[in-house]
PDB file of N, CA and C in Angstrom:
ATOM      1  N   MET A   1      -2.394  85.855  91.439  1.00  0.00           N
ATOM      2  CA  MET A   1      -3.784  85.593  91.120  1.00  0.00           C
ATOM      3  C   MET A   1      -3.930  84.383  90.197  1.00  0.00           C
ATOM      4  N   ASN A   2      -2.829  83.841  89.715  1.00  0.00           N
ATOM      5  CA  ASN A   2      -2.830  82.665  88.837  1.00  0.00           C
ATOM      6  C   ASN A   2      -3.513  82.915  87.496  1.00  0.00           C
ATOM      7  N   ILE A   3      -3.520  84.164  87.049  1.00  0.00           N
ATOM      8  CA  ILE A   3      -4.089  84.502  85.757  1.00  0.00           C
ATOM      9  C   ILE A   3      -2.982  85.158  84.925  1.00  0.00           C
ATOM     10  N   PRO A   4      -2.787  84.718  83.685  1.00  0.00           N
ATOM     11  CA  PRO A   4      -1.761  85.346  82.851  1.00  0.00           C
ATOM     12  C   PRO A   4      -2.019  86.839  82.679  1.00  0.00           C
ATOM     13  N   TYR A   5      -0.937  87.601  82.561  1.00  0.00           N
ATOM     14  CA  TYR A   5      -1.032  89.053  82.456  1.00  0.00           C
ATOM     15  C   TYR A   5      -1.960  89.492  81.329  1.00  0.00           C
ATOM     16  N   GLU A   6      -1.819  88.878  80.162  1.00  0.00           N
ATOM     17  CA  GLU A   6      -2.630  89.275  79.013  1.00  0.00           C
ATOM     18  C   GLU A   6      -4.122  89.142  79.298  1.00  0.00           C
ATOM     19  N   LEU A   7      -4.477  88.106  79.997  1.00  0.00           N
ATOM     20  CA  LEU A   7      -5.883  87.879  80.317  1.00  0.00           C
ATOM     21  C   LEU A   7      -6.349  88.822  81.427  1.00  0.00           C
ATOM     22  N   LEU A   8      -5.476  89.101  82.381  1.00  0.00           N
ATOM     23  CA  LEU A   8      -5.831  89.983  83.493  1.00  0.00           C
ATOM     24  C   LEU A   8      -6.163  91.388  83.006  1.00  0.00           C
ATOM     25  N   VAL A   9      -5.338  91.925  82.114  1.00  0.00           N
ATOM     26  CA  VAL A   9      -5.565  93.288  81.626  1.00  0.00           C
ATOM     27  C   VAL A   9      -6.336  93.313  80.306  1.00  0.00           C
ATOM     28  N   LYS A  10      -6.635  92.129  79.768  1.00  0.00           N
ATOM     29  CA  LYS A  10      -7.357  91.983  78.502  1.00  0.00           C
ATOM     30  C   LYS A  10      -6.664  92.741  77.372  1.00  0.00           C
ATOM     31  N   ASP A  11      -5.353  92.570  77.317  1.00  0.00           N
ATOM     32  CA  ASP A  11      -4.566  93.227  76.285  1.00  0.00           C
ATOM     33  C   ASP A  11      -3.684  92.187  75.601  1.00  0.00           C
ATOM     34  N   PHE A  12      -4.107  91.743  74.441  1.00  0.00           N
ATOM     35  CA  PHE A  12      -3.349  90.762  73.673  1.00  0.00           C
ATOM     36  C   PHE A  12      -2.638  91.427  72.486  1.00  0.00           C
ATOM     37  N   SER A  13      -2.509  92.750  72.518  1.00  0.00           N
ATOM     38  CA  SER A  13      -1.934  93.474  71.382  1.00  0.00           C
ATOM     39  C   SER A  13      -0.455  93.159  71.171  1.00  0.00           C
ATOM     40  N   GLN A  14       0.280  92.812  72.218  1.00  0.00           N
ATOM     41  CA  GLN A  14       1.714  92.549  72.105  1.00  0.00           C
ATOM     42  C   GLN A  14       2.029  91.055  72.011  1.00  0.00           C
ATOM     43  N   THR A  15       1.024  90.222  71.788  1.00  0.00           N
ATOM     44  CA  THR A  15       1.257  88.781  71.738  1.00  0.00           C
ATOM     45  C   THR A  15       0.913  88.228  70.373  1.00  0.00           C
ATOM     46  N   ASN A  16       1.542  87.118  70.046  1.00  0.00           N
ATOM     47  CA  ASN A  16       1.200  86.427  68.806  1.00  0.00           C
ATOM     48  C   ASN A  16       0.204  85.316  69.127  1.00  0.00           C
ATOM     49  N   TYR A  17      -0.198  84.575  68.124  1.00  0.00           N
ATOM     50  CA  TYR A  17      -1.201  83.526  68.309  1.00  0.00           C
ATOM     51  C   TYR A  17      -0.747  82.477  69.322  1.00  0.00           C
ATOM     52  N   SER A  18       0.494  82.026  69.203  1.00  0.00           N
ATOM     53  CA  SER A  18       0.989  80.972  70.100  1.00  0.00           C
ATOM     54  C   SER A  18       1.041  81.443  71.544  1.00  0.00           C
ATOM     55  N   SER A  19       1.479  82.681  71.762  1.00  0.00           N
ATOM     56  CA  SER A  19       1.536  83.219  73.119  1.00  0.00           C
ATOM     57  C   SER A  19       0.136  83.377  73.711  1.00  0.00           C
ATOM     58  N   ALA A  20      -0.789  83.864  72.898  1.00  0.00           N
ATOM     59  CA  ALA A  20      -2.164  84.032  73.380  1.00  0.00           C
ATOM     60  C   ALA A  20      -2.777  82.686  73.712  1.00  0.00           C
ATOM     61  N   ARG A  21      -2.545  81.701  72.875  1.00  0.00           N
ATOM     62  CA  ARG A  21      -3.082  80.361  73.125  1.00  0.00           C
ATOM     63  C   ARG A  21      -2.485  79.764  74.391  1.00  0.00           C
ATOM     64  N   ALA A  22      -1.182  79.932  74.581  1.00  0.00           N
ATOM     65  CA  ALA A  22      -0.526  79.413  75.791  1.00  0.00           C
ATOM     66  C   ALA A  22      -1.083  80.093  77.038  1.00  0.00           C
ATOM     67  N   ALA A  23      -1.302  81.406  76.970  1.00  0.00           N
ATOM     68  CA  ALA A  23      -1.857  82.134  78.114  1.00  0.00           C
ATOM     69  C   ALA A  23      -3.265  81.649  78.437  1.00  0.00           C
ATOM     70  N   LEU A  24      -4.078  81.450  77.399  1.00  0.00           N
ATOM     71  CA  LEU A  24      -5.448  80.987  77.631  1.00  0.00           C
ATOM     72  C   LEU A  24      -5.491  79.554  78.162  1.00  0.00           C
ATOM     73  N   LEU A  25      -4.588  78.703  77.695  1.00  0.00           N
ATOM     74  CA  LEU A  25      -4.544  77.331  78.215  1.00  0.00           C
ATOM     75  C   LEU A  25      -4.117  77.315  79.681  1.00  0.00           C
ATOM     76  N   GLU A  26      -3.174  78.176  80.035  1.00  0.00           N
ATOM     77  CA  GLU A  26      -2.741  78.274  81.436  1.00  0.00           C
ATOM     78  C   GLU A  26      -3.894  78.757  82.310  1.00  0.00           C
ATOM     79  N   ALA A  27      -4.613  79.750  81.840  1.00  0.00           N
ATOM     80  CA  ALA A  27      -5.767  80.250  82.587  1.00  0.00           C
ATOM     81  C   ALA A  27      -6.847  79.176  82.691  1.00  0.00           C
ATOM     82  N   TRP A  28      -7.031  78.408  81.635  1.00  0.00           N
ATOM     83  CA  TRP A  28      -8.047  77.355  81.619  1.00  0.00           C
ATOM     84  C   TRP A  28      -7.779  76.316  82.709  1.00  0.00           C
ATOM     85  N   ARG A  29      -6.517  75.976  82.906  1.00  0.00           N
ATOM     86  CA  ARG A  29      -6.179  75.024  83.976  1.00  0.00           C
ATOM     87  C   ARG A  29      -6.574  75.582  85.339  1.00  0.00           C
ATOM     88  N   PHE A  30      -6.297  76.858  85.555  1.00  0.00           N
ATOM     89  CA  PHE A  30      -6.658  77.497  86.819  1.00  0.00           C
ATOM     90  C   PHE A  30      -8.178  77.540  86.984  1.00  0.00           C
ATOM     91  N   PHE A  31      -8.883  77.955  85.931  1.00  0.00           N
ATOM     92  CA  PHE A  31     -10.340  78.060  86.013  1.00  0.00           C
ATOM     93  C   PHE A  31     -10.993  76.697  86.221  1.00  0.00           C
ATOM     94  N   ASN A  32     -10.449  75.659  85.620  1.00  0.00           N
ATOM     95  CA  ASN A  32     -10.982  74.310  85.822  1.00  0.00           C
ATOM     96  C   ASN A  32     -10.868  73.878  87.277  1.00  0.00           C
ATOM     97  N   GLY A  33      -9.748  74.209  87.909  1.00  0.00           N
ATOM     98  CA  GLY A  33      -9.588  73.893  89.327  1.00  0.00           C
ATOM     99  C   GLY A  33     -10.604  74.619  90.184  1.00  0.00           C
ATOM    100  N   ARG A  34     -10.806  75.892  89.896  1.00  0.00           N
ATOM    101  CA  ARG A  34     -11.798  76.666  90.643  1.00  0.00           C
ATOM    102  C   ARG A  34     -13.209  76.137  90.415  1.00  0.00           C
ATOM    103  N   ARG A  35     -13.488  75.751  89.189  1.00  0.00           N
ATOM    104  CA  ARG A  35     -14.816  75.228  88.872  1.00  0.00           C
ATOM    105  C   ARG A  35     -15.068  73.910  89.600  1.00  0.00           C
ATOM    106  N   ALA A  36     -14.059  73.056  89.665  1.00  0.00           N
ATOM    107  CA  ALA A  36     -14.208  71.789  90.395  1.00  0.00           C
ATOM    108  C   ALA A  36     -14.439  72.059  91.878  1.00  0.00           C
ATOM    109  N   TRP A  37     -13.699  73.016  92.442  1.00  0.00           N
ATOM    110  CA  TRP A  37     -13.873  73.364  93.852  1.00  0.00           C
ATOM    111  C   TRP A  37     -15.292  73.884  94.099  1.00  0.00           C
ATOM    112  N   LEU A  38     -15.769  74.757  93.228  1.00  0.00           N
ATOM    113  CA  LEU A  38     -17.106  75.324  93.387  1.00  0.00           C
ATOM    114  C   LEU A  38     -18.188  74.247  93.330  1.00  0.00           C
ATOM    115  N   GLY A  39     -18.045  73.309  92.423  1.00  0.00           N
ATOM    116  CA  GLY A  39     -19.022  72.226  92.321  1.00  0.00           C
ATOM    117  C   GLY A  39     -19.006  71.313  93.530  1.00  0.00           C
ATOM    118  N   THR A  40     -17.801  70.982  93.998  1.00  0.00           N
ATOM    119  CA  THR A  40     -17.664  70.051  95.119  1.00  0.00           C
ATOM    120  C   THR A  40     -18.073  70.656  96.452  1.00  0.00           C
ATOM    121  N   TYR A  41     -17.629  71.860  96.725  1.00  0.00           N
ATOM    122  CA  TYR A  41     -17.809  72.442  98.055  1.00  0.00           C
ATOM    123  C   TYR A  41     -18.964  73.421  98.184  1.00  0.00           C
ATOM    124  N   TRP A  42     -19.598  73.791  97.075  1.00  0.00           N
ATOM    125  CA  TRP A  42     -20.731  74.694  97.184  1.00  0.00           C
ATOM    126  C   TRP A  42     -21.964  74.157  96.468  1.00  0.00           C
ATOM    127  N   ALA A  43     -21.869  73.885  95.171  1.00  0.00           N
ATOM    128  CA  ALA A  43     -23.058  73.504  94.399  1.00  0.00           C
ATOM    129  C   ALA A  43     -23.639  72.162  94.851  1.00  0.00           C
ATOM    130  N   THR A  44     -22.802  71.161  95.087  1.00  0.00           N
ATOM    131  CA  THR A  44     -23.308  69.853  95.500  1.00  0.00           C
ATOM    132  C   THR A  44     -23.986  69.905  96.869  1.00  0.00           C
ATOM    133  N   PRO A  45     -23.388  70.539  97.895  1.00  0.00           N
ATOM    134  CA  PRO A  45     -24.112  70.633  99.171  1.00  0.00           C
ATOM    135  C   PRO A  45     -25.424  71.409  99.077  1.00  0.00           C
ATOM    136  N   VAL A  46     -25.457  72.460  98.277  1.00  0.00           N
ATOM    137  CA  VAL A  46     -26.704  73.221  98.117  1.00  0.00           C
ATOM    138  C   VAL A  46     -27.756  72.358  97.434  1.00  0.00           C
ATOM    139  N   PHE A  47     -27.361  71.615  96.396  1.00  0.00           N
ATOM    140  CA  PHE A  47     -28.291  70.719  95.713  1.00  0.00           C
ATOM    141  C   PHE A  47     -28.800  69.653  96.677  1.00  0.00           C
ATOM    142  N   ASP A  48     -27.913  69.098  97.487  1.00  0.00           N
ATOM    143  CA  ASP A  48     -28.283  68.072  98.463  1.00  0.00           C
ATOM    144  C   ASP A  48     -29.348  68.606  99.427  1.00  0.00           C
ATOM    145  N   LEU A  49     -29.126  69.801  99.949  1.00  0.00           N
ATOM    146  CA  LEU A  49     -30.093  70.391 100.882  1.00  0.00           C
ATOM    147  C   LEU A  49     -31.419  70.728 100.189  1.00  0.00           C
ATOM    148  N   TRP A  50     -31.334  71.255  98.967  1.00  0.00           N
ATOM    149  CA  TRP A  50     -32.553  71.574  98.223  1.00  0.00           C
ATOM    150  C   TRP A  50     -33.377  70.315  97.961  1.00  0.00           C
ATOM    151  N   LEU A  51     -32.715  69.251  97.522  1.00  0.00           N
ATOM    152  CA  LEU A  51     -33.433  68.023  97.215  1.00  0.00           C
ATOM    153  C   LEU A  51     -34.063  67.430  98.475  1.00  0.00           C
ATOM    154  N   GLU A  52     -33.344  67.451  99.583  1.00  0.00           N
ATOM    155  CA  GLU A  52     -33.904  66.937 100.838  1.00  0.00           C
ATOM    156  C   GLU A  52     -35.159  67.715 101.228  1.00  0.00           C
ATOM    157  N   GLU A  53     -35.105  69.026 101.100  1.00  0.00           N
ATOM    158  CA  GLU A  53     -36.274  69.835 101.446  1.00  0.00           C
ATOM    159  C   GLU A  53     -37.437  69.558 100.499  1.00  0.00           C
ATOM    160  N   ALA A  54     -37.159  69.436  99.206  1.00  0.00           N
ATOM    161  CA  ALA A  54     -38.218  69.152  98.236  1.00  0.00           C
ATOM    162  C   ALA A  54     -38.852  67.790  98.495  1.00  0.00           C
ATOM    163  N   VAL A  55     -38.055  66.799  98.869  1.00  0.00           N
ATOM    164  CA  VAL A  55     -38.594  65.469  99.186  1.00  0.00           C
ATOM    165  C   VAL A  55     -39.441  65.546 100.447  1.00  0.00           C
ATOM    166  N   ASN A  56     -38.964  66.251 101.464  1.00  0.00           N
ATOM    167  CA  ASN A  56     -39.714  66.365 102.720  1.00  0.00           C
ATOM    168  C   ASN A  56     -41.031  67.122 102.548  1.00  0.00           C
ATOM    169  N   LEU A  57     -41.069  68.070 101.621  1.00  0.00           N
ATOM    170  CA  LEU A  57     -42.311  68.817 101.367  1.00  0.00           C
ATOM    171  C   LEU A  57     -43.249  68.067 100.437  1.00  0.00           C
ATOM    172  N   GLY A  58     -42.787  66.963  99.870  1.00  0.00           N
ATOM    173  CA  GLY A  58     -43.618  66.166  98.980  1.00  0.00           C
ATOM    174  C   GLY A  58     -43.638  66.676  97.549  1.00  0.00           C
ATOM    175  N   GLU A  59     -42.755  67.601  97.217  1.00  0.00           N
ATOM    176  CA  GLU A  59     -42.708  68.142  95.851  1.00  0.00           C
ATOM    177  C   GLU A  59     -42.019  67.181  94.886  1.00  0.00           C
ATOM    178  N   ILE A  60     -41.134  66.354  95.419  1.00  0.00           N
ATOM    179  CA  ILE A  60     -40.430  65.367  94.609  1.00  0.00           C
ATOM    180  C   ILE A  60     -40.609  64.012  95.272  1.00  0.00           C
ATOM    181  N   GLU A  61     -40.965  63.032  94.476  1.00  0.00           N
ATOM    182  CA  GLU A  61     -41.151  61.683  95.000  1.00  0.00           C
ATOM    183  C   GLU A  61     -39.837  60.919  94.869  1.00  0.00           C
ATOM    184  N   ALA A  62     -39.284  60.525  95.995  1.00  0.00           N
ATOM    185  CA  ALA A  62     -38.018  59.785  96.006  1.00  0.00           C
ATOM    186  C   ALA A  62     -38.130  58.673  97.051  1.00  0.00           C
ATOM    187  N   PRO A  63     -38.538  57.479  96.626  1.00  0.00           N
ATOM    188  CA  PRO A  63     -38.688  56.376  97.581  1.00  0.00           C
ATOM    189  C   PRO A  63     -37.373  56.067  98.292  1.00  0.00           C
ATOM    190  N   ASP A  64     -37.451  55.822  99.585  1.00  0.00           N
ATOM    191  CA  ASP A  64     -36.279  55.507 100.420  1.00  0.00           C
ATOM    192  C   ASP A  64     -35.169  56.531 100.260  1.00  0.00           C
ATOM    193  N   PHE A  65     -35.537  57.803 100.301  1.00  0.00           N
ATOM    194  CA  PHE A  65     -34.556  58.864 100.071  1.00  0.00           C
ATOM    195  C   PHE A  65     -33.391  58.776 101.051  1.00  0.00           C
ATOM    196  N   TYR A  66     -33.684  58.640 102.336  1.00  0.00           N
ATOM    197  CA  TYR A  66     -32.602  58.648 103.331  1.00  0.00           C
ATOM    198  C   TYR A  66     -31.754  57.380 103.276  1.00  0.00           C
ATOM    199  N   ALA A  67     -32.324  56.283 102.868  1.00  0.00           N
ATOM    200  CA  ALA A  67     -31.541  55.048 102.728  1.00  0.00           C
ATOM    201  C   ALA A  67     -30.632  55.110 101.500  1.00  0.00           C
ATOM    202  N   ASN A  68     -31.077  55.833 100.475  1.00  0.00           N
ATOM    203  CA  ASN A  68     -30.319  55.927  99.216  1.00  0.00           C
ATOM    204  C   ASN A  68     -29.915  57.367  98.910  1.00  0.00           C
ATOM    205  N   ARG A  69     -29.645  58.138  99.937  1.00  0.00           N
ATOM    206  CA  ARG A  69     -29.362  59.560  99.757  1.00  0.00           C
ATOM    207  C   ARG A  69     -28.184  59.808  98.815  1.00  0.00           C
ATOM    208  N   PHE A  70     -27.125  59.032  98.949  1.00  0.00           N
ATOM    209  CA  PHE A  70     -25.956  59.224  98.094  1.00  0.00           C
ATOM    210  C   PHE A  70     -26.319  59.044  96.622  1.00  0.00           C
ATOM    211  N   ALA A  71     -27.117  58.032  96.335  1.00  0.00           N
ATOM    212  CA  ALA A  71     -27.515  57.777  94.940  1.00  0.00           C
ATOM    213  C   ALA A  71     -28.378  58.918  94.394  1.00  0.00           C
ATOM    214  N   TYR A  72     -29.240  59.472  95.230  1.00  0.00           N
ATOM    215  CA  TYR A  72     -30.108  60.555  94.785  1.00  0.00           C
ATOM    216  C   TYR A  72     -29.346  61.871  94.601  1.00  0.00           C
ATOM    217  N   THR A  73     -28.352  62.105  95.416  1.00  0.00           N
ATOM    218  CA  THR A  73     -27.691  63.404  95.389  1.00  0.00           C
ATOM    219  C   THR A  73     -26.342  63.387  94.672  1.00  0.00           C
ATOM    220  N   ARG A  74     -25.915  62.252  94.180  1.00  0.00           N
ATOM    221  CA  ARG A  74     -24.655  62.186  93.455  1.00  0.00           C
ATOM    222  C   ARG A  74     -24.803  62.940  92.140  1.00  0.00           C
ATOM    223  N   CYS A  75     -23.889  63.812  91.854  1.00  0.00           N
ATOM    224  CA  CYS A  75     -23.982  64.590  90.625  1.00  0.00           C
ATOM    225  C   CYS A  75     -22.597  65.060  90.200  1.00  0.00           C
ATOM    226  N   ARG A  76     -22.521  65.462  88.960  1.00  0.00           N
ATOM    227  CA  ARG A  76     -21.288  66.046  88.420  1.00  0.00           C
ATOM    228  C   ARG A  76     -21.689  67.335  87.723  1.00  0.00           C
ATOM    229  N   TRP A  77     -21.030  68.412  88.062  1.00  0.00           N
ATOM    230  CA  TRP A  77     -21.353  69.715  87.505  1.00  0.00           C
ATOM    231  C   TRP A  77     -20.499  69.937  86.267  1.00  0.00           C
ATOM    232  N   ILE A  78     -21.153  70.256  85.176  1.00  0.00           N
ATOM    233  CA  ILE A  78     -20.465  70.461  83.908  1.00  0.00           C
ATOM    234  C   ILE A  78     -20.671  71.911  83.490  1.00  0.00           C
ATOM    235  N   GLY A  79     -19.582  72.624  83.326  1.00  0.00           N
ATOM    236  CA  GLY A  79     -19.658  74.030  82.936  1.00  0.00           C
ATOM    237  C   GLY A  79     -19.492  74.203  81.438  1.00  0.00           C
ATOM    238  N   ALA A  80     -19.338  75.433  81.044  1.00  0.00           N
ATOM    239  CA  ALA A  80     -19.151  75.760  79.634  1.00  0.00           C
ATOM    240  C   ALA A  80     -17.818  75.212  79.134  1.00  0.00           C
ATOM    241  N   GLY A  81     -17.732  74.984  77.866  1.00  0.00           N
ATOM    242  CA  GLY A  81     -16.515  74.472  77.265  1.00  0.00           C
ATOM    243  C   GLY A  81     -15.433  75.538  77.147  1.00  0.00           C
ATOM    244  N   LYS A  82     -14.261  75.094  76.766  1.00  0.00           N
ATOM    245  CA  LYS A  82     -13.123  75.987  76.616  1.00  0.00           C
ATOM    246  C   LYS A  82     -13.320  76.858  75.377  1.00  0.00           C
ATOM    247  N   GLY A  83     -12.956  78.119  75.493  1.00  0.00           N
ATOM    248  CA  GLY A  83     -13.037  79.024  74.354  1.00  0.00           C
ATOM    249  C   GLY A  83     -11.859  78.816  73.415  1.00  0.00           C
ATOM    250  N   TRP A  84     -11.776  79.631  72.379  1.00  0.00           N
ATOM    251  CA  TRP A  84     -10.679  79.490  71.433  1.00  0.00           C
ATOM    252  C   TRP A  84     -10.181  80.862  71.020  1.00  0.00           C
ATOM    253  N   VAL A  85      -8.969  80.863  70.503  1.00  0.00           N
ATOM    254  CA  VAL A  85      -8.366  82.093  70.018  1.00  0.00           C
ATOM    255  C   VAL A  85      -8.774  82.320  68.564  1.00  0.00           C
ATOM    256  N   ASP A  86      -8.620  81.294  67.747  1.00  0.00           N
ATOM    257  CA  ASP A  86      -8.967  81.369  66.334  1.00  0.00           C
ATOM    258  C   ASP A  86      -9.796  80.133  65.998  1.00  0.00           C
ATOM    259  N   PRO A  87     -11.119  80.276  65.791  1.00  0.00           N
ATOM    260  CA  PRO A  87     -11.963  79.101  65.578  1.00  0.00           C
ATOM    261  C   PRO A  87     -11.597  78.295  64.332  1.00  0.00           C
ATOM    262  N   VAL A  88     -10.898  78.892  63.385  1.00  0.00           N
ATOM    263  CA  VAL A  88     -10.506  78.154  62.184  1.00  0.00           C
ATOM    264  C   VAL A  88      -9.314  77.244  62.481  1.00  0.00           C
ATOM    265  N   LYS A  89      -8.353  77.742  63.258  1.00  0.00           N
ATOM    266  CA  LYS A  89      -7.137  76.978  63.541  1.00  0.00           C
ATOM    267  C   LYS A  89      -7.329  75.943  64.645  1.00  0.00           C
ATOM    268  N   GLU A  90      -8.199  76.193  65.592  1.00  0.00           N
ATOM    269  CA  GLU A  90      -8.336  75.322  66.754  1.00  0.00           C
ATOM    270  C   GLU A  90      -8.701  73.881  66.438  1.00  0.00           C
ATOM    271  N   PRO A  91      -9.737  73.606  65.618  1.00  0.00           N
ATOM    272  CA  PRO A  91     -10.127  72.203  65.412  1.00  0.00           C
ATOM    273  C   PRO A  91      -9.116  71.392  64.611  1.00  0.00           C
ATOM    274  N   ARG A  92      -8.283  72.059  63.826  1.00  0.00           N
ATOM    275  CA  ARG A  92      -7.331  71.350  62.984  1.00  0.00           C
ATOM    276  C   ARG A  92      -6.129  70.885  63.791  1.00  0.00           C
ATOM    277  N   PRO A  93      -5.724  69.628  63.624  1.00  0.00           N
ATOM    278  CA  PRO A  93      -4.487  69.185  64.268  1.00  0.00           C
ATOM    279  C   PRO A  93      -3.303  69.824  63.558  1.00  0.00           C
ATOM    280  N   PRO A  94      -2.163  69.953  64.240  1.00  0.00           N
ATOM    281  CA  PRO A  94      -0.989  70.525  63.571  1.00  0.00           C
ATOM    282  C   PRO A  94      -0.607  69.680  62.355  1.00  0.00           C
ATOM    283  N   SER A  95      -0.155  70.341  61.331  1.00  0.00           N
ATOM    284  CA  SER A  95       0.200  69.614  60.113  1.00  0.00           C
ATOM    285  C   SER A  95       1.455  68.778  60.340  1.00  0.00           C
ATOM    286  N   CYS A  96       1.439  67.592  59.815  1.00  0.00           N
ATOM    287  CA  CYS A  96       2.586  66.699  59.932  1.00  0.00           C
ATOM    288  C   CYS A  96       3.451  66.861  58.694  1.00  0.00           C
ATOM    289  N   ALA A  97       4.543  67.570  58.832  1.00  0.00           N
ATOM    290  CA  ALA A  97       5.407  67.807  57.680  1.00  0.00           C
ATOM    291  C   ALA A  97       6.708  67.050  57.813  1.00  0.00           C
TER     292      ALA A  97
END
């Protein structure tokens, strides 16, 4: 399933901070891939069809829509940011000793 065990069962009781962070970062890579796929293959085509229908019904004014369709429908889907394990430790860079 490409999800770390700790995240799958939601049991971080046997892990330390570093292990939990590594598991969440691994899951984040997987979720980012899925999110990109969802935006590219589902959300963008749905938006494209919705916008075309809205333009055809006169609800949205888009001059030369069909000539400039790519420009009108080009978009990038941005999801929620990455979570954290410990909000105090996350923003700080590792100490240089």
